């Protein structure tokens, strides 16, 4: 029996199917407009319905499944933005040309006597190739832009979801790399940057798998957020932290070989109301304001004083059902720096 898909794999499959379905609709519309005055309008629609999903399916498979999952190909994404866009556009142009040139000739026998296809139809093939390449270029640029700021943030900016500030209840997970200052002193600035970049890269998959949004990187810290509705199922913030730690453990040998150190994490989780909204003119961004983030940051700092790796506020723990791998231990009421009132918190340790 095949293994069940992970949360991240399901998310990728859903995105893939949406893109393929949308391409079939776009292909059908384009085919209708192109051939409505021709001898066989239905032929152009059929070609669009076939070619659209073939082109989008091939390109989306590379973008969604192949590039994120292949160590060798992922290094291509480290190239400059313009170089990545140019290289992808060139490769995808070959795919587009092959599909369009082959699709018309494959389907022409379905309309004997009405559709005649020569060696290369300049008025049909090239026009369709140009349209497909334009759509492909837009797709590549959008995917690259979304990867820079996060797909959900990009979606929310495009849709204007936070044009007007709104109140939301959100989980905030503050994750810190233990001992990064000492590691930076030993490695030097450039190597320390490579070390943190490798840590962030290794922990990105668990964040995506548990549908978290990476709000920002602050030095050696990662801030991940979920709305309360998105975070509650399966205790996603807690499982996200567990899998981030597991991902670094799995890569420990590689880190030892490259940096002479094995990264470990400490974290804190809090839940509460924030105000979310867009800011900036030259560079738009979605930001969150409220005491929740400050409290989560202070709880993360409290892990040092308490001698624990993971602290969860009472508010966050009440909203979640801890997985069996974690056992809660009551830390009582904590005095946090910069806060007048105390907050009840729990340590979550391996069961």
Protein backbone atom coordinates (compact mmCIF):
# COMPACT_ATOMS: atom_id res chain seq x y z
CA UNK A 1 0.00 0.00 0.00
CA UNK A 2 1.37 3.41 -0.92
CA UNK A 3 2.34 5.67 1.96
CA UNK A 4 -0.10 8.45 2.80
CA UNK A 5 0.80 11.88 1.45
CA UNK A 6 2.22 14.36 3.92
CA UNK A 7 0.55 17.72 4.50
CA UNK A 8 3.11 19.42 2.29
CA UNK A 9 2.64 16.90 -0.50
CA UNK A 10 -1.14 17.31 -0.37
CA UNK A 11 -0.72 21.07 -0.57
CA UNK A 12 1.51 20.72 -3.63
CA UNK A 13 -0.86 18.31 -5.33
CA UNK A 14 -3.80 20.69 -4.77
CA UNK A 15 -1.83 23.60 -6.25
CA UNK A 16 -0.79 21.46 -9.21
CA UNK A 17 -4.35 20.35 -9.98
CA UNK A 18 -5.65 23.92 -9.73
CA UNK A 19 -3.05 25.11 -12.23
CA UNK A 20 -3.79 22.28 -14.66
CA UNK A 21 -7.55 22.91 -14.45
CA UNK A 22 -7.09 26.66 -14.97
CA UNK A 23 -4.85 26.03 -17.99
CA UNK A 24 -7.54 23.84 -19.60
CA UNK A 25 -10.06 26.69 -19.28
CA UNK A 26 -7.59 29.29 -20.62
CA UNK A 27 -6.63 26.97 -23.48
CA UNK A 28 -10.26 26.40 -24.42
CA UNK A 29 -11.03 30.13 -24.45
CA UNK A 30 -7.96 30.93 -26.51
CA UNK A 31 -8.75 28.11 -28.96
CA UNK A 32 -12.32 29.34 -29.37
CA UNK A 33 -11.23 32.93 -30.04
CA UNK A 34 -8.55 31.84 -32.46
CA UNK A 35 -10.69 29.46 -34.50
CA UNK A 36 -14.27 30.77 -34.24
CA UNK A 37 -14.22 31.91 -37.88
CA UNK A 38 -12.32 28.90 -39.19
CA UNK A 39 -13.56 25.72 -40.86
CA UNK A 40 -13.61 23.73 -37.63
CA UNK A 41 -13.96 25.92 -34.51
CA UNK A 42 -14.23 22.87 -32.28
CA UNK A 43 -10.78 21.73 -33.35
CA UNK A 44 -9.08 24.80 -31.92
CA UNK A 45 -10.97 24.42 -28.67
CA UNK A 46 -9.92 20.77 -28.48
CA UNK A 47 -6.29 21.70 -29.15
CA UNK A 48 -6.45 24.33 -26.39
CA UNK A 49 -7.98 21.88 -23.91
CA UNK A 50 -5.22 19.35 -24.67
CA UNK A 51 -2.22 21.67 -25.07
CA UNK A 52 -3.02 23.90 -22.09
CA UNK A 53 -2.89 21.14 -19.44
CA UNK A 54 0.10 19.46 -21.14
CA UNK A 55 2.12 22.68 -21.07
CA UNK A 56 1.00 23.79 -17.61
CA UNK A 57 1.25 20.27 -16.23
CA UNK A 58 4.83 19.87 -17.43
CA UNK A 59 5.99 23.28 -16.20
CA UNK A 60 4.07 23.09 -12.92
CA UNK A 61 5.52 19.63 -12.24
CA UNK A 62 9.01 21.11 -12.54
CA UNK A 63 8.16 24.13 -10.36
CA UNK A 64 6.15 22.37 -7.68
CA UNK A 65 7.65 18.87 -7.43
CA UNK A 66 11.02 18.66 -9.15
CA UNK A 67 12.82 21.87 -8.15
CA UNK A 68 11.90 21.82 -4.43
CA UNK A 69 12.71 18.12 -4.11
CA UNK A 70 16.00 17.83 -5.99
CA UNK A 71 19.21 18.83 -4.25
CA UNK A 72 21.08 19.37 -7.53
CA UNK A 73 18.34 21.37 -9.23
CA UNK A 74 17.58 23.40 -6.10
CA UNK A 75 21.00 24.99 -6.43
CA UNK A 76 19.73 26.68 -9.59
CA UNK A 77 17.41 28.72 -7.38
CA UNK A 78 20.49 30.29 -5.75
CA UNK A 79 21.20 32.14 -9.02
CA UNK A 80 20.15 35.80 -9.34
CA UNK A 81 16.44 36.40 -9.85
CA UNK A 82 16.85 37.56 -13.48
CA UNK A 83 19.07 34.57 -14.33
CA UNK A 84 16.55 32.12 -12.87
CA UNK A 85 13.69 33.72 -14.83
CA UNK A 86 15.72 33.70 -18.07
CA UNK A 87 16.85 30.09 -17.67
CA UNK A 88 13.39 28.85 -16.81
CA UNK A 89 11.83 30.76 -19.69
CA UNK A 90 14.29 29.18 -22.14
CA UNK A 91 13.62 25.65 -20.90
CA UNK A 92 9.89 26.18 -20.78
CA UNK A 93 9.93 27.66 -24.30
CA UNK A 94 11.21 24.34 -25.58
CA UNK A 95 8.40 22.53 -23.77
CA UNK A 96 5.79 24.93 -25.16
CA UNK A 97 7.09 24.60 -28.73
CA UNK A 98 7.21 20.80 -28.58
CA UNK A 99 3.70 20.47 -27.16
CA UNK A 100 2.08 22.90 -29.59
CA UNK A 101 3.87 21.56 -32.65
CA UNK A 102 2.97 18.00 -31.71
CA UNK A 103 -0.54 18.63 -30.39
CA UNK A 104 -1.96 20.09 -33.59
CA UNK A 105 -0.54 17.28 -35.69
CA UNK A 106 -1.72 14.62 -33.26
CA UNK A 107 -5.33 15.88 -33.24
CA UNK A 108 -5.67 16.86 -36.92
CA UNK A 109 -6.75 13.32 -38.02
CA UNK A 110 -9.90 13.74 -35.91
CA UNK A 111 -11.10 16.31 -38.49
CA UNK A 112 -10.30 14.68 -41.88
CA UNK A 113 -10.64 16.98 -44.86
CA UNK A 114 -11.18 20.10 -42.77
CA UNK A 115 -7.82 20.46 -41.00
CA UNK A 116 -4.65 20.46 -43.06
CA UNK A 117 -1.38 20.80 -41.19
CA UNK A 118 1.84 21.64 -43.02
CA UNK A 119 5.41 21.24 -41.77
CA UNK A 120 5.02 24.40 -39.71
CA UNK A 121 2.00 26.69 -39.71
CA UNK A 122 3.34 30.24 -39.23
CA UNK A 123 -0.07 31.82 -38.76
CA UNK A 124 -1.25 29.20 -36.27
CA UNK A 125 1.69 27.61 -34.50
CA UNK A 126 3.77 30.74 -33.95
CA UNK A 127 0.83 32.79 -32.73
CA UNK A 128 -0.08 30.06 -30.26
CA UNK A 129 3.54 29.63 -29.20
CA UNK A 130 3.81 33.39 -28.60
CA UNK A 131 0.66 33.40 -26.48
CA UNK A 132 1.81 30.36 -24.50
CA UNK A 133 5.27 31.82 -23.92
CA UNK A 134 3.71 35.05 -22.66
CA UNK A 135 1.57 33.12 -20.20
CA UNK A 136 4.59 31.02 -19.20
CA UNK A 137 6.73 34.11 -18.56
CA UNK A 138 3.99 35.59 -16.39
CA UNK A 139 3.72 32.30 -14.51
CA UNK A 140 7.49 32.11 -13.92
CA UNK A 141 7.74 35.72 -12.71
CA UNK A 142 4.74 35.27 -10.40
CA UNK A 143 6.12 32.03 -8.95
CA UNK A 144 9.54 33.60 -8.39
CA UNK A 145 8.05 36.71 -6.79
CA UNK A 146 5.79 34.60 -4.58
CA UNK A 147 8.75 32.49 -3.45
CA UNK A 148 10.60 35.64 -2.34
CA UNK A 149 7.90 36.90 0.00
CA UNK A 150 5.87 33.72 0.59
CA UNK A 151 2.98 32.46 -1.50
CA UNK A 152 0.30 33.31 1.04
CA UNK A 153 1.68 36.80 1.62
CA UNK A 154 1.86 37.32 -2.15
CA UNK A 155 -1.71 36.08 -2.53
CA UNK A 156 -2.97 38.36 0.24
CA UNK A 157 -1.17 41.37 -1.26
CA UNK A 158 -2.62 40.69 -4.71
CA UNK A 159 -6.13 40.20 -3.36
CA UNK A 160 -5.83 43.21 -1.06
CA UNK A 161 -6.95 41.19 1.94
CA UNK A 162 -5.17 43.51 4.37
CA UNK A 163 -5.62 46.83 2.58
CA UNK A 164 -7.63 47.83 5.61
CA UNK A 165 -6.22 46.73 8.97
CA UNK A 166 -8.12 43.89 10.59
CA UNK A 167 -7.99 42.09 13.90
CA UNK A 168 -7.04 38.41 13.89
CA UNK A 169 -6.26 35.78 16.49
CA UNK A 170 -2.93 34.22 15.56
CA UNK A 171 -0.35 31.79 16.82
CA UNK A 172 3.22 33.06 16.76
CA UNK A 173 6.09 30.60 16.99
CA UNK A 174 9.46 32.19 17.73
CA UNK A 175 12.30 29.76 16.93
CA UNK A 176 15.90 30.53 17.86
CA UNK A 177 19.12 28.75 16.85
CA UNK A 178 20.95 27.78 20.05
CA UNK A 179 24.54 28.97 20.36
CA UNK A 180 24.55 30.83 17.06
CA UNK A 181 26.60 33.72 18.50
CA UNK A 182 29.44 31.42 19.53
CA UNK A 183 29.23 29.60 16.20
CA UNK A 184 29.44 32.93 14.34
CA UNK A 185 32.52 33.97 16.31
CA UNK A 186 34.24 30.71 15.44
CA UNK A 187 33.20 30.55 11.77
CA UNK A 188 33.41 34.20 10.78
CA UNK A 189 30.69 36.37 9.26
CA UNK A 190 30.50 34.77 5.80
CA UNK A 191 30.52 31.16 7.00
CA UNK A 192 28.06 32.03 9.78
CA UNK A 193 25.68 33.41 7.16
CA UNK A 194 25.97 30.17 5.18
CA UNK A 195 25.31 28.21 8.38
CA UNK A 196 22.11 30.12 9.18
CA UNK A 197 20.97 29.97 5.56
CA UNK A 198 21.38 26.17 5.67
CA UNK A 199 19.39 26.01 8.92
CA UNK A 200 16.59 28.12 7.46
CA UNK A 201 16.54 26.01 4.31
CA UNK A 202 16.37 22.74 6.27
CA UNK A 203 13.50 23.98 8.44
CA UNK A 204 11.45 25.51 5.62
CA UNK A 205 9.91 22.18 4.58
CA UNK A 206 8.33 21.42 8.00
CA UNK A 207 6.90 24.96 8.11
CA UNK A 208 5.30 24.47 4.70
CA UNK A 209 4.15 20.95 5.60
CA UNK A 210 2.22 22.25 8.62
CA UNK A 211 0.90 25.25 6.66
CA UNK A 212 2.74 27.90 8.62
CA UNK A 213 3.71 31.29 7.22
CA UNK A 214 7.29 32.43 7.74
CA UNK A 215 6.62 35.99 8.84
CA UNK A 216 10.25 37.03 9.05
CA UNK A 217 13.82 36.06 9.77
CA UNK A 218 15.41 38.18 12.51
CA UNK A 219 19.11 37.42 12.83
CA UNK A 220 19.22 33.79 13.94
CA UNK A 221 15.50 33.67 14.66
CA UNK A 222 12.55 32.44 12.60
CA UNK A 223 9.06 33.80 13.26
CA UNK A 224 6.26 31.54 12.02
CA UNK A 225 2.55 32.35 12.25
CA UNK A 226 -0.87 30.73 11.75
CA UNK A 227 -4.37 32.10 12.15
CA UNK A 228 -6.13 30.34 15.01
CA UNK A 229 -8.36 28.46 12.55
CA UNK A 230 -5.38 27.27 10.50
CA UNK A 231 -3.26 26.36 13.50
CA UNK A 232 -5.74 24.34 15.54
CA UNK A 233 -6.06 21.22 13.31
CA UNK A 234 -3.54 18.56 14.35
CA UNK A 235 -1.87 21.09 16.67
CA UNK A 236 0.08 22.35 13.68
CA UNK A 237 2.39 24.84 15.49
CA UNK A 238 3.54 22.13 17.93
CA UNK A 239 4.08 19.55 15.21
CA UNK A 240 5.87 22.14 13.12
CA UNK A 241 8.43 22.72 15.88
CA UNK A 242 8.91 18.96 16.36
CA UNK A 243 9.56 18.43 12.66
CA UNK A 244 11.89 21.42 12.44
CA UNK A 245 14.01 19.81 15.15
CA UNK A 246 13.78 16.43 13.42
CA UNK A 247 14.87 17.94 10.09
CA UNK A 248 18.00 19.37 11.68
CA UNK A 249 18.74 16.09 13.43
CA UNK A 250 18.47 14.28 10.09
CA UNK A 251 20.94 16.74 8.55
CA UNK A 252 23.31 16.73 11.51
CA UNK A 253 26.10 14.88 9.68
CA UNK A 254 26.03 17.38 6.81
CA UNK A 255 26.21 20.30 9.23
CA UNK A 256 29.14 18.71 11.09
CA UNK A 257 31.01 18.20 7.84
CA UNK A 258 30.36 21.72 6.53
CA UNK A 259 30.45 23.80 9.71
CA UNK A 260 31.71 21.64 12.55
CA UNK A 261 28.48 22.20 14.47
CA UNK A 262 25.04 20.61 14.84
CA UNK A 263 22.27 23.22 15.02
CA UNK A 264 19.63 22.91 17.73
CA UNK A 265 16.54 24.97 18.38
CA UNK A 266 14.68 26.57 21.24
CA UNK A 267 11.24 28.09 20.76
CA UNK A 268 8.16 29.70 22.27
CA UNK A 269 4.54 29.73 21.15
CA UNK A 270 1.81 32.22 22.03
CA UNK A 271 -1.74 32.91 20.84
CA UNK A 272 -3.66 36.15 20.87
CA UNK A 273 -5.15 39.02 18.92
CA UNK A 274 -3.07 41.16 16.57
CA UNK A 275 -3.84 43.89 14.06
CA UNK A 276 -2.81 42.83 10.56
CA UNK A 277 -2.44 45.30 7.73
CA UNK A 278 -0.39 46.46 4.75
CA UNK A 279 2.32 49.08 5.18
CA UNK A 280 4.91 50.72 2.95
CA UNK A 281 4.92 52.50 -0.39
CA UNK A 282 8.12 51.54 -2.20
CA UNK A 283 7.93 48.05 -0.72
CA UNK A 284 4.56 46.70 0.40
CA UNK A 285 4.45 44.24 3.27
CA UNK A 286 1.89 42.73 5.63
CA UNK A 287 2.78 43.37 9.27
CA UNK A 288 1.28 42.39 12.62
CA UNK A 289 1.06 44.68 15.63
CA UNK A 290 0.09 43.71 19.14
CA UNK A 291 1.33 42.48 22.49
CA UNK A 292 1.16 38.85 21.31
CA UNK A 293 4.39 39.07 19.34
CA UNK A 294 6.24 40.85 22.14
CA UNK A 295 5.07 38.23 24.62
CA UNK A 296 6.11 35.36 22.34
CA UNK A 297 9.57 36.90 21.98
CA UNK A 298 9.87 37.29 25.76
CA UNK A 299 8.75 33.68 26.27
CA UNK A 300 11.47 32.53 23.89
CA UNK A 301 14.02 34.45 25.95
CA UNK A 302 12.60 32.82 29.10
CA UNK A 303 13.61 29.37 27.84
CA UNK A 304 17.19 30.24 28.84
CA UNK A 305 16.23 31.15 32.40
CA UNK A 306 13.97 28.11 32.77
CA UNK A 307 16.51 25.75 31.23
CA UNK A 308 14.02 24.32 28.71
CA UNK A 309 13.82 24.15 24.94
CA UNK A 310 10.15 24.88 24.26
CA UNK A 311 7.75 27.14 26.17
CA UNK A 312 4.06 27.45 25.30
CA UNK A 313 1.74 30.02 26.83
CA UNK A 314 -1.34 28.77 28.63
CA UNK A 315 -3.55 30.49 26.02
CA UNK A 316 -1.84 28.63 23.18
CA UNK A 317 -1.83 25.29 24.96
CA UNK A 318 -5.55 25.50 25.75
CA UNK A 319 -6.28 25.95 22.04
CA UNK A 320 -4.23 22.90 21.01
CA UNK A 321 -4.07 19.21 21.81
CA UNK A 322 -0.36 18.39 22.30
CA UNK A 323 0.80 15.37 20.26
CA UNK A 324 1.88 12.31 22.19
CA UNK A 325 5.54 13.08 21.53
CA UNK A 326 5.33 16.08 23.88
CA UNK A 327 4.56 16.13 27.60
CA UNK A 328 3.44 19.46 29.18
CA UNK A 329 5.08 20.59 32.43
CA UNK A 330 3.54 23.55 34.26
CA UNK A 331 6.03 26.38 34.77
CA UNK A 332 3.58 28.46 36.75
CA UNK A 333 3.39 32.24 36.40
CA UNK A 334 6.43 33.73 34.70
CA UNK A 335 7.77 37.26 35.04
CA UNK A 336 8.78 38.39 31.56
CA UNK A 337 11.07 41.29 30.76
CA UNK A 338 9.15 44.37 29.71
CA UNK A 339 5.80 43.13 31.02
CA UNK A 340 4.11 44.31 34.18
CA UNK A 341 1.87 41.25 34.56
CA UNK A 342 2.90 37.64 34.85
CA UNK A 343 1.88 34.99 32.33
CA UNK A 344 1.26 31.32 32.91
CA UNK A 345 3.30 29.03 30.69
CA UNK A 346 4.18 25.42 30.11
CA UNK A 347 7.27 23.60 29.04
CA UNK A 348 6.76 20.94 26.39
CA UNK A 349 9.34 18.21 26.58
CA UNK A 350 9.81 14.85 24.89
CA UNK A 351 7.42 12.37 26.42
